[in-house]
C-alpha atoms as a PDB file:
ATOM      1  CA  MET A   1       8.633  -2.348  -8.927  1.00  0.00           C
ATOM      2  CA  HIS A   2       5.649  -3.132 -10.918  1.00  0.00           C
ATOM      3  CA  ILE A   3       2.435  -4.203  -8.807  1.00  0.00           C
ATOM      4  CA  ALA A   4      -0.420  -6.183 -10.043  1.00  0.00           C
ATOM      5  CA  VAL A   5      -3.737  -5.789  -8.246  1.00  0.00           C
ATOM      6  CA  ILE A   6      -5.865  -8.862  -8.518  1.00  0.00           C
ATOM      7  CA  VAL A   7      -9.563  -8.065  -8.057  1.00  0.00           C
ATOM      8  CA  THR A   8     -12.114 -11.004  -7.797  1.00  0.00           C
ATOM      9  CA  THR A   9     -15.661 -10.340  -9.003  1.00  0.00           C
ATOM     10  CA  TYR A  10     -18.834 -12.149  -9.529  1.00  0.00           C
ATOM     11  CA  ASN A  11     -21.983 -10.622 -11.071  1.00  0.00           C
ATOM     12  CA  ARG A  12     -21.678  -7.182  -9.470  1.00  0.00           C
ATOM     13  CA  PRO A  13     -20.929  -4.737 -12.247  1.00  0.00           C
ATOM     14  CA  ASP A  14     -22.075  -1.675 -10.468  1.00  0.00           C
ATOM     15  CA  ALA A  15     -19.703  -2.325  -7.675  1.00  0.00           C
ATOM     16  CA  LEU A  16     -17.038  -3.199 -10.042  1.00  0.00           C
ATOM     17  CA  ALA A  17     -17.354   0.238 -11.691  1.00  0.00           C
ATOM     18  CA  ALA A  18     -17.145   2.046  -8.417  1.00  0.00           C
ATOM     19  CA  ILE A  19     -13.831   0.323  -7.680  1.00  0.00           C
ATOM     20  CA  PHE A  20     -12.539   1.083 -11.170  1.00  0.00           C
ATOM     21  CA  GLU A  21     -13.079   4.772 -10.587  1.00  0.00           C
ATOM     22  CA  SER A  22     -11.220   4.709  -7.328  1.00  0.00           C
ATOM     23  CA  TYR A  23      -8.264   2.956  -9.046  1.00  0.00           C
ATOM     24  CA  LEU A  24      -8.341   5.728 -11.725  1.00  0.00           C
ATOM     25  CA  ALA A  25      -7.743   8.113  -8.928  1.00  0.00           C
ATOM     26  CA  GLN A  26      -4.716   6.489  -7.621  1.00  0.00           C
ATOM     27  CA  THR A  27      -1.597   8.603  -6.893  1.00  0.00           C
ATOM     28  CA  ASP A  28       0.770   5.670  -7.675  1.00  0.00           C
ATOM     29  CA  CYS A  29      -0.069   4.469 -11.417  1.00  0.00           C
ATOM     30  CA  ASP A  30       2.689   1.898 -11.743  1.00  0.00           C
ATOM     31  CA  PHE A  31       0.301  -1.059 -11.466  1.00  0.00           C
ATOM     32  CA  GLU A  32      -2.010  -3.264 -13.448  1.00  0.00           C
ATOM     33  CA  ILE A  33      -5.428  -4.694 -12.620  1.00  0.00           C
ATOM     34  CA  VAL A  34      -6.380  -8.243 -13.332  1.00  0.00           C
ATOM     35  CA  ILE A  35     -10.127  -9.024 -12.780  1.00  0.00           C
ATOM     36  CA  ALA A  36     -10.372 -12.657 -11.407  1.00  0.00           C
ATOM     37  CA  ASP A  37     -13.863 -13.336 -12.641  1.00  0.00           C
ATOM     38  CA  ASP A  38     -15.711 -16.281 -10.959  1.00  0.00           C
ATOM     39  CA  GLY A  39     -18.175 -16.758 -13.962  1.00  0.00           C
ATOM     40  CA  SER A  40     -19.925 -13.440 -14.299  1.00  0.00           C
ATOM     41  CA  THR A  41     -22.338 -12.589 -17.151  1.00  0.00           C
ATOM     42  CA  PRO A  42     -21.452 -10.414 -20.207  1.00  0.00           C
ATOM     43  CA  GLU A  43     -22.645  -7.314 -18.300  1.00  0.00           C
ATOM     44  CA  THR A  44     -19.611  -7.438 -16.184  1.00  0.00           C
ATOM     45  CA  THR A  45     -17.334  -7.852 -19.398  1.00  0.00           C
ATOM     46  CA  SER A  46     -19.076  -4.622 -20.734  1.00  0.00           C
ATOM     47  CA  VAL A  47     -17.920  -2.666 -17.731  1.00  0.00           C
ATOM     48  CA  ILE A  48     -14.380  -3.958 -17.873  1.00  0.00           C
ATOM     49  CA  LYS A  49     -14.259  -3.105 -21.591  1.00  0.00           C
ATOM     50  CA  LYS A  50     -15.256   0.430 -20.748  1.00  0.00           C
ATOM     51  CA  TYR A  51     -12.391   0.962 -18.229  1.00  0.00           C
ATOM     52  CA  GLN A  52      -9.965  -0.660 -20.343  1.00  0.00           C
ATOM     53  CA  ALA A  53     -10.616   2.066 -22.872  1.00  0.00           C
ATOM     54  CA  ARG A  54     -10.242   4.758 -20.232  1.00  0.00           C
ATOM     55  CA  ALA A  55      -7.497   3.679 -18.010  1.00  0.00           C
ATOM     56  CA  SER A  56      -3.749   4.531 -18.446  1.00  0.00           C
ATOM     57  CA  PHE A  57      -2.801   1.429 -16.864  1.00  0.00           C
ATOM     58  CA  LYS A  58      -3.347  -2.217 -17.973  1.00  0.00           C
ATOM     59  CA  ILE A  59      -6.573  -3.988 -17.136  1.00  0.00           C
ATOM     60  CA  SER A  60      -6.853  -7.739 -17.905  1.00  0.00           C
ATOM     61  CA  HIS A  61     -10.013  -9.867 -17.533  1.00  0.00           C
ATOM     62  CA  VAL A  62      -9.505 -13.664 -16.597  1.00  0.00           C
ATOM     63  CA  TRP A  63     -12.847 -15.322 -16.620  1.00  0.00           C
ATOM     64  CA  GLN A  64     -13.827 -18.898 -15.587  1.00  0.00           C
ATOM     65  CA  GLU A  65     -17.074 -20.849 -15.823  1.00  0.00           C
ATOM     66  CA  ASP A  66     -19.623 -20.312 -13.158  1.00  0.00           C
ATOM     67  CA  ARG A  67     -19.541 -23.553 -11.153  1.00  0.00           C
ATOM     68  CA  GLY A  68     -20.312 -22.035  -7.683  1.00  0.00           C
ATOM     69  CA  PHE A  69     -17.926 -20.239  -5.464  1.00  0.00           C
ATOM     70  CA  ARG A  70     -14.372 -20.777  -6.612  1.00  0.00           C
ATOM     71  CA  ALA A  71     -12.426 -17.673  -5.677  1.00  0.00           C
ATOM     72  CA  ALA A  72      -9.244 -19.851  -5.060  1.00  0.00           C
ATOM     73  CA  ALA A  73      -9.262 -20.909  -8.754  1.00  0.00           C
ATOM     74  CA  ALA A  74     -10.013 -17.494 -10.124  1.00  0.00           C
ATOM     75  CA  ARG A  75      -7.138 -16.030  -8.197  1.00  0.00           C
ATOM     76  CA  ASN A  76      -4.692 -18.724  -9.321  1.00  0.00           C
ATOM     77  CA  ARG A  77      -5.743 -18.154 -13.003  1.00  0.00           C
ATOM     78  CA  ALA A  78      -5.097 -14.539 -12.592  1.00  0.00           C
ATOM     79  CA  LEU A  79      -1.912 -15.176 -10.844  1.00  0.00           C
ATOM     80  CA  ALA A  80      -0.731 -17.269 -13.734  1.00  0.00           C
ATOM     81  CA  GLU A  81      -1.357 -14.374 -16.313  1.00  0.00           C
ATOM     82  CA  ILE A  82       1.114 -11.772 -14.597  1.00  0.00           C
ATOM     83  CA  ASP A  83       4.731 -11.403 -14.153  1.00  0.00           C
ATOM     84  CA  ALA A  84       4.541  -8.535 -11.690  1.00  0.00           C
ATOM     85  CA  ARG A  85       7.005  -8.775  -8.647  1.00  0.00           C
ATOM     86  CA  TYR A  86       4.440  -7.837  -6.003  1.00  0.00           C
ATOM     87  CA  VAL A  87       0.562  -8.673  -5.905  1.00  0.00           C
ATOM     88  CA  ILE A  88      -2.129  -7.035  -4.029  1.00  0.00           C
ATOM     89  CA  PHE A  89      -5.172  -8.998  -3.676  1.00  0.00           C
ATOM     90  CA  THR A  90      -8.607  -7.349  -3.141  1.00  0.00           C
ATOM     91  CA  ASP A  91     -12.313  -7.670  -4.156  1.00  0.00           C
ATOM     92  CA  GLY A  92     -14.768  -6.071  -6.677  1.00  0.00           C
ATOM     93  CA  ASP A  93     -16.627  -4.650  -3.728  1.00  0.00           C
ATOM     94  CA  CYS A  94     -13.819  -2.940  -1.910  1.00  0.00           C
ATOM     95  CA  VAL A  95     -13.073   0.687  -2.760  1.00  0.00           C
ATOM     96  CA  PRO A  96      -9.603   1.977  -2.004  1.00  0.00           C
ATOM     97  CA  MET A  97      -8.345   5.532  -1.152  1.00  0.00           C
ATOM     98  CA  PRO A  98      -6.353   7.268  -3.560  1.00  0.00           C
ATOM     99  CA  ASP A  99      -3.085   6.292  -1.860  1.00  0.00           C
ATOM    100  CA  PHE A 100      -3.795   2.700  -1.612  1.00  0.00           C
ATOM    101  CA  VAL A 101      -1.458   1.277  -3.961  1.00  0.00           C
ATOM    102  CA  ALA A 102       1.322   3.830  -2.991  1.00  0.00           C
ATOM    103  CA  GLN A 103       0.886   2.726   0.740  1.00  0.00           C
ATOM    104  CA  HIS A 104       1.187  -0.857  -0.045  1.00  0.00           C
ATOM    105  CA  ARG A 105       4.301  -0.123  -2.168  1.00  0.00           C
ATOM    106  CA  GLN A 106       5.717   1.770   0.798  1.00  0.00           C
ATOM    107  CA  LEU A 107       5.020  -1.121   3.230  1.00  0.00           C
ATOM    108  CA  ALA A 108       6.291  -3.855   0.990  1.00  0.00           C
ATOM    109  CA  GLU A 109       9.435  -5.758   2.358  1.00  0.00           C
ATOM    110  CA  LEU A 110      11.161  -8.892   1.272  1.00  0.00           C
ATOM    111  CA  GLY A 111      10.204 -11.802   3.549  1.00  0.00           C
ATOM    112  CA  TRP A 112       6.913 -10.323   4.668  1.00  0.00           C
ATOM    113  CA  PHE A 113       3.206 -10.209   3.447  1.00  0.00           C
ATOM    114  CA  VAL A 114       0.993  -7.266   4.284  1.00  0.00           C
ATOM    115  CA  THR A 115      -2.507  -7.391   5.515  1.00  0.00           C
ATOM    116  CA  GLY A 116      -4.858  -4.316   5.681  1.00  0.00           C
ATOM    117  CA  ASN A 117      -8.333  -3.859   7.008  1.00  0.00           C
ATOM    118  CA  ARG A 118     -11.714  -2.344   5.903  1.00  0.00           C
ATOM    119  CA  VAL A 119     -14.445  -0.120   6.688  1.00  0.00           C
ATOM    120  CA  LEU A 120     -17.907  -1.703   6.214  1.00  0.00           C
ATOM    121  CA  LEU A 121     -20.674   0.202   4.726  1.00  0.00           C
ATOM    122  CA  SER A 122     -24.236  -0.238   5.514  1.00  0.00           C
ATOM    123  CA  SER A 123     -26.896  -1.671   3.064  1.00  0.00           C
ATOM    124  CA  GLY A 124     -28.742   1.599   2.513  1.00  0.00           C
ATOM    125  CA  PHE A 125     -25.515   3.743   2.258  1.00  0.00           C
ATOM    126  CA  THR A 126     -23.963   1.204  -0.412  1.00  0.00           C
ATOM    127  CA  LYS A 127     -27.121   1.659  -2.393  1.00  0.00           C
ATOM    128  CA  LYS A 128     -26.818   5.406  -2.340  1.00  0.00           C
ATOM    129  CA  VAL A 129     -23.097   5.331  -3.341  1.00  0.00           C
ATOM    130  CA  LEU A 130     -23.866   2.995  -6.255  1.00  0.00           C
ATOM    131  CA  LYS A 131     -26.847   4.723  -7.428  1.00  0.00           C
ATOM    132  CA  ASP A 132     -25.417   8.363  -7.258  1.00  0.00           C
ATOM    133  CA  THR A 133     -21.758   7.214  -8.137  1.00  0.00           C
ATOM    134  CA  LEU A 134     -20.496   8.948  -5.024  1.00  0.00           C
ATOM    135  CA  PRO A 135     -16.620   9.463  -5.145  1.00  0.00           C
ATOM    136  CA  ILE A 136     -16.150   8.341  -1.444  1.00  0.00           C
ATOM    137  CA  TYR A 137     -12.428   7.438  -2.149  1.00  0.00           C
ATOM    138  CA  ASN A 138     -11.897  11.186  -2.134  1.00  0.00           C
ATOM    139  CA  TRP A 139     -14.091  12.109   0.884  1.00  0.00           C
ATOM    140  CA  SER A 140     -12.777  14.235   3.781  1.00  0.00           C
ATOM    141  CA  TRP A 141     -12.735  13.272   7.373  1.00  0.00           C
ATOM    142  CA  LEU A 142     -15.552  15.529   8.072  1.00  0.00           C
ATOM    143  CA  GLN A 143     -17.729  13.672   5.540  1.00  0.00           C
ATOM    144  CA  TRP A 144     -16.795  10.379   7.035  1.00  0.00           C
ATOM    145  CA  LEU A 145     -17.494  11.694  10.485  1.00  0.00           C
ATOM    146  CA  ALA A 146     -21.070  12.668   9.458  1.00  0.00           C
ATOM    147  CA  ILE A 147     -21.519   9.216   7.671  1.00  0.00           C
ATOM    148  CA  TRP A 148     -20.298   7.584  10.984  1.00  0.00           C
ATOM    149  CA  ALA A 149     -22.601   9.537  13.135  1.00  0.00           C
ATOM    150  CA  LYS A 150     -25.450   8.089  11.064  1.00  0.00           C
ATOM    151  CA  ARG A 151     -24.070   4.611  11.586  1.00  0.00           C
ATOM    152  CA  ASP A 152     -23.776   4.140   7.910  1.00  0.00           C
ATOM    153  CA  ILE A 153     -20.156   2.879   8.369  1.00  0.00           C
ATOM    154  CA  ASN A 154     -18.925   0.717  11.312  1.00  0.00           C
ATOM    155  CA  ARG A 155     -15.834   2.442  12.355  1.00  0.00           C
ATOM    156  CA  LEU A 156     -13.476   5.511  11.684  1.00  0.00           C
ATOM    157  CA  LEU A 157     -10.250   4.717  13.145  1.00  0.00           C
ATOM    158  CA  PRO A 158      -8.888   2.565  10.215  1.00  0.00           C
ATOM    159  CA  LEU A 159      -8.925   5.955   8.244  1.00  0.00           C
ATOM    160  CA  LEU A 160      -6.070   7.197  10.538  1.00  0.00           C
ATOM    161  CA  ARG A 161      -2.588   7.263   8.936  1.00  0.00           C
ATOM    162  CA  LEU A 162       0.418   5.938  10.752  1.00  0.00           C
ATOM    163  CA  GLY A 163       3.771   5.392   9.085  1.00  0.00           C
ATOM    164  CA  ASP A 164       6.086   2.215   8.621  1.00  0.00           C
ATOM    165  CA  GLY A 165       8.032   0.873  11.571  1.00  0.00           C
ATOM    166  CA  GLN A 166       8.968  -2.046  13.744  1.00  0.00           C
ATOM    167  CA  TRP A 167       5.508  -1.878  15.355  1.00  0.00           C
ATOM    168  CA  ARG A 168       4.034  -3.256  12.221  1.00  0.00           C
ATOM    169  CA  LYS A 169       5.796  -6.458  12.911  1.00  0.00           C
ATOM    170  CA  HIS A 170       4.876  -7.226  16.466  1.00  0.00           C
ATOM    171  CA  GLU A 171       2.769 -10.343  15.422  1.00  0.00           C
ATOM    172  CA  PRO A 172       4.895 -11.919  12.808  1.00  0.00           C
ATOM    173  CA  GLN A 173       2.948 -15.294  13.101  1.00  0.00           C
ATOM    174  CA  ARG A 174      -0.538 -13.860  13.171  1.00  0.00           C
ATOM    175  CA  TRP A 175      -3.116 -15.353  10.586  1.00  0.00           C
ATOM    176  CA  ARG A 176      -6.349 -14.781  12.213  1.00  0.00           C
ATOM    177  CA  GLY A 177      -8.224 -11.727  10.751  1.00  0.00           C
ATOM    178  CA  ALA A 178      -6.162 -11.753   7.463  1.00  0.00           C
ATOM    179  CA  LYS A 179      -8.276 -11.603   4.553  1.00  0.00           C
ATOM    180  CA  THR A 180      -7.712 -11.596   0.848  1.00  0.00           C
ATOM    181  CA  CYS A 181      -9.767  -8.530   0.209  1.00  0.00           C
ATOM    182  CA  ASN A 182      -6.636  -6.589   1.371  1.00  0.00           C
ATOM    183  CA  LEU A 183      -3.508  -8.584   1.139  1.00  0.00           C
ATOM    184  CA  ALA A 184      -0.175  -8.004  -0.594  1.00  0.00           C
ATOM    185  CA  VAL A 185       2.498 -10.729  -1.317  1.00  0.00           C
ATOM    186  CA  TRP A 186       5.568 -11.086  -3.209  1.00  0.00           C
ATOM    187  CA  ARG A 187       4.911 -13.162  -6.417  1.00  0.00           C
ATOM    188  CA  THR A 188       7.947 -15.399  -5.717  1.00  0.00           C
ATOM    189  CA  ASP A 189       6.538 -16.282  -2.261  1.00  0.00           C
ATOM    190  CA  LEU A 190       3.184 -17.162  -3.872  1.00  0.00           C
ATOM    191  CA  LEU A 191       4.863 -19.422  -6.294  1.00  0.00           C
ATOM    192  CA  GLN A 192       6.746 -21.148  -3.223  1.00  0.00           C
ATOM    193  CA  VAL A 193       3.610 -22.094  -1.595  1.00  0.00           C
ATOM    194  CA  ASN A 194       1.808 -22.888  -4.862  1.00  0.00           C
ATOM    195  CA  GLY A 195      -0.749 -20.242  -4.719  1.00  0.00           C
ATOM    196  CA  PHE A 196      -4.283 -20.775  -3.354  1.00  0.00           C
ATOM    197  CA  ASP A 197      -5.570 -24.168  -2.585  1.00  0.00           C
ATOM    198  CA  GLU A 198      -8.515 -24.968  -4.693  1.00  0.00           C
ATOM    199  CA  SER A 199      -9.354 -27.992  -2.349  1.00  0.00           C
ATOM    200  CA  TYR A 200     -11.525 -25.724  -0.362  1.00  0.00           C
ATOM    201  CA  SER A 201     -15.153 -26.015  -1.475  1.00  0.00           C
ATOM    202  CA  GLY A 202     -17.529 -23.104  -1.442  1.00  0.00           C
ATOM    203  CA  TRP A 203     -17.046 -20.021   0.632  1.00  0.00           C
ATOM    204  CA  GLY A 204     -14.697 -19.732   3.485  1.00  0.00           C
ATOM    205  CA  LEU A 205     -11.128 -20.140   4.752  1.00  0.00           C
ATOM    206  CA  GLU A 206      -9.265 -20.515   1.519  1.00  0.00           C
ATOM    207  CA  ASP A 207      -7.748 -17.159   2.455  1.00  0.00           C
ATOM    208  CA  SER A 208      -6.746 -18.378   5.970  1.00  0.00           C
ATOM    209  CA  ASP A 209      -5.144 -21.430   4.242  1.00  0.00           C
ATOM    210  CA  LEU A 210      -2.824 -19.293   2.161  1.00  0.00           C
ATOM    211  CA  ILE A 211      -1.785 -17.262   5.045  1.00  0.00           C
ATOM    212  CA  ILE A 212      -1.076 -20.146   7.259  1.00  0.00           C
ATOM    213  CA  ARG A 213       0.977 -21.731   4.470  1.00  0.00           C
ATOM    214  CA  LEU A 214       2.967 -18.562   3.831  1.00  0.00           C
ATOM    215  CA  LEU A 215       3.942 -18.532   7.596  1.00  0.00           C
ATOM    216  CA  HIS A 216       4.870 -22.277   7.238  1.00  0.00           C
ATOM    217  CA  SER A 217       7.313 -21.112   4.419  1.00  0.00           C
ATOM    218  CA  ASP A 218       8.914 -18.640   6.867  1.00  0.00           C
ATOM    219  CA  ILE A 219       7.127 -15.503   5.310  1.00  0.00           C
ATOM    220  CA  CYS A 220       5.966 -13.352   8.085  1.00  0.00           C
ATOM    221  CA  HIS A 221       3.023 -11.088   8.684  1.00  0.00           C
ATOM    222  CA  LYS A 222       3.299  -7.222   8.646  1.00  0.00           C
ATOM    223  CA  ASN A 223       0.370  -5.256   9.756  1.00  0.00           C
ATOM    224  CA  GLY A 224      -0.872  -2.791   7.085  1.00  0.00           C
ATOM    225  CA  ARG A 225      -3.525  -1.184   9.323  1.00  0.00           C
ATOM    226  CA  PHE A 226      -3.646   2.575   9.405  1.00  0.00           C
ATOM    227  CA  ALA A 227      -2.121   2.730   6.095  1.00  0.00           C
ATOM    228  CA  THR A 228      -4.150   0.739   3.458  1.00  0.00           C
ATOM    229  CA  PRO A 229      -7.868   0.945   4.481  1.00  0.00           C
ATOM    230  CA  LEU A 230     -10.651  -0.078   2.036  1.00  0.00           C
ATOM    231  CA  PHE A 231     -14.293   0.764   1.828  1.00  0.00           C
ATOM    232  CA  HIS A 232     -16.340  -2.462   1.866  1.00  0.00           C
ATOM    233  CA  LEU A 233     -19.645  -2.169  -0.039  1.00  0.00           C
ATOM    234  CA  TRP A 234     -22.450  -4.137   1.680  1.00  0.00           C
ATOM    235  CA  HIS A 235     -23.702  -7.505   0.326  1.00  0.00           C
ATOM    236  CA  SER A 236     -25.646 -10.390   1.780  1.00  0.00           C
ATOM    237  CA  GLU A 237     -23.743 -13.281   3.175  1.00  0.00           C
ATOM    238  CA  ASN A 238     -22.475 -16.111   1.123  1.00  0.00           C
ATOM    239  CA  ASP A 239     -23.594 -19.571   1.360  1.00  0.00           C
ATOM    240  CA  ARG A 240     -21.762 -21.143   4.349  1.00  0.00           C
ATOM    241  CA  SER A 241     -23.119 -24.646   3.982  1.00  0.00           C
ATOM    242  CA  LEU A 242     -19.616 -26.009   3.388  1.00  0.00           C
ATOM    243  CA  LEU A 243     -17.810 -24.216   6.074  1.00  0.00           C
ATOM    244  CA  SER A 244     -17.479 -27.100   8.485  1.00  0.00           C
ATOM    245  CA  GLU A 245     -15.619 -29.096   6.175  1.00  0.00           C
ATOM    246  CA  ASN A 246     -13.329 -26.188   5.173  1.00  0.00           C
ATOM    247  CA  GLN A 247     -12.619 -25.755   8.975  1.00  0.00           C
ATOM    248  CA  ARG A 248     -11.695 -29.212   9.291  1.00  0.00           C
ATOM    249  CA  ARG A 249      -9.301 -28.955   6.368  1.00  0.00           C
ATOM    250  CA  LEU A 250      -7.735 -25.783   7.973  1.00  0.00           C
ATOM    251  CA  ASN A 251      -7.375 -27.562  11.304  1.00  0.00           C
ATOM    252  CA  ASP A 252      -5.378 -30.228   9.606  1.00  0.00           C
ATOM    253  CA  LEU A 253      -3.105 -27.596   8.095  1.00  0.00           C
ATOM    254  CA  LEU A 254      -2.469 -25.961  11.389  1.00  0.00           C
ATOM    255  CA  ALA A 255      -1.450 -29.293  12.902  1.00  0.00           C
ATOM    256  CA  SER A 256       1.095 -29.726  10.111  1.00  0.00           C
ATOM    257  CA  ASP A 257       4.126 -27.935   8.764  1.00  0.00           C
ATOM    258  CA  CYS A 258       2.718 -28.220   5.042  1.00  0.00           C
ATOM    259  CA  PHE A 259       3.182 -24.995   2.877  1.00  0.00           C
ATOM    260  CA  LEU A 260       2.354 -26.221  -0.705  1.00  0.00           C
ATOM    261  CA  ALA A 261      -1.293 -26.208  -1.984  1.00  0.00           C
ATOM    262  CA  ASP A 262      -2.646 -29.673  -2.924  1.00  0.00           C
ATOM    263  CA  ARG A 263      -4.378 -28.156  -5.936  1.00  0.00           C
ATOM    264  CA  GLY A 264      -2.815 -24.893  -6.691  1.00  0.00           C
ATOM    265  CA  LEU A 265      -1.237 -22.468  -9.024  1.00  0.00           C
ATOM    266  CA  ASN A 266       0.987 -24.954 -10.935  1.00  0.00           C
ATOM    267  CA  GLN A 267      -2.162 -26.313 -12.857  1.00  0.00           C
ATOM    268  CA  TYR A 268      -2.196 -22.973 -14.860  1.00  0.00           C
ATOM    269  CA  LEU A 269       1.623 -22.371 -15.296  1.00  0.00           C
END
């Protein structure tokens, strides 16, 4: 089963380089990366070209004009470019461990989407990781324990490893807490719900919208915690001025049984 990893980015080439290094270290190499670029400058393109020349796997770059936060559109455009059976969504500031793709492959199951979690890095530690190009994806438990003791990460428990099992399906209708920085979905299921809904303006809740529509289409939630953690590089908060309108739209969706995006993937197919 070939996997496509869709990575969103916007004008953060140093962080993007860090995540590329971690994907070069993956134990499972049967995947491709598609960069869903929300309007970055040519500096990001230069980083992508550098790693296209180094990687043994395919790296594609799907760019759209910078017209504010449009992550849903960027992801839809990237989705339209792939034919992989299984899709992992993540962000260009989320560093995976070497078994990230392998663990997602192991958890993949028809009729289910998988959500993982993340470990948050502090501002100061993030700067050090990027400045010194620290290979945090290969660090040991002792190294992370030392960083946690300094409060440079918010928690250690996500780094524990637990196998697959029925316990991962104990909340099949759960949507709260699911984020597209660590989400795996079958491509056919994404087509069925018409991808992401670009009706959401600015930052916030377009990922929750997708999860709810997947649930409305009888695709269930599988817990990927303690298997697929990511290290989230610190960044300042996005503009949340349109969040209240997005919340109203999400509330309407929750009160319905709709599963199709109003403005979705079909625009690009």
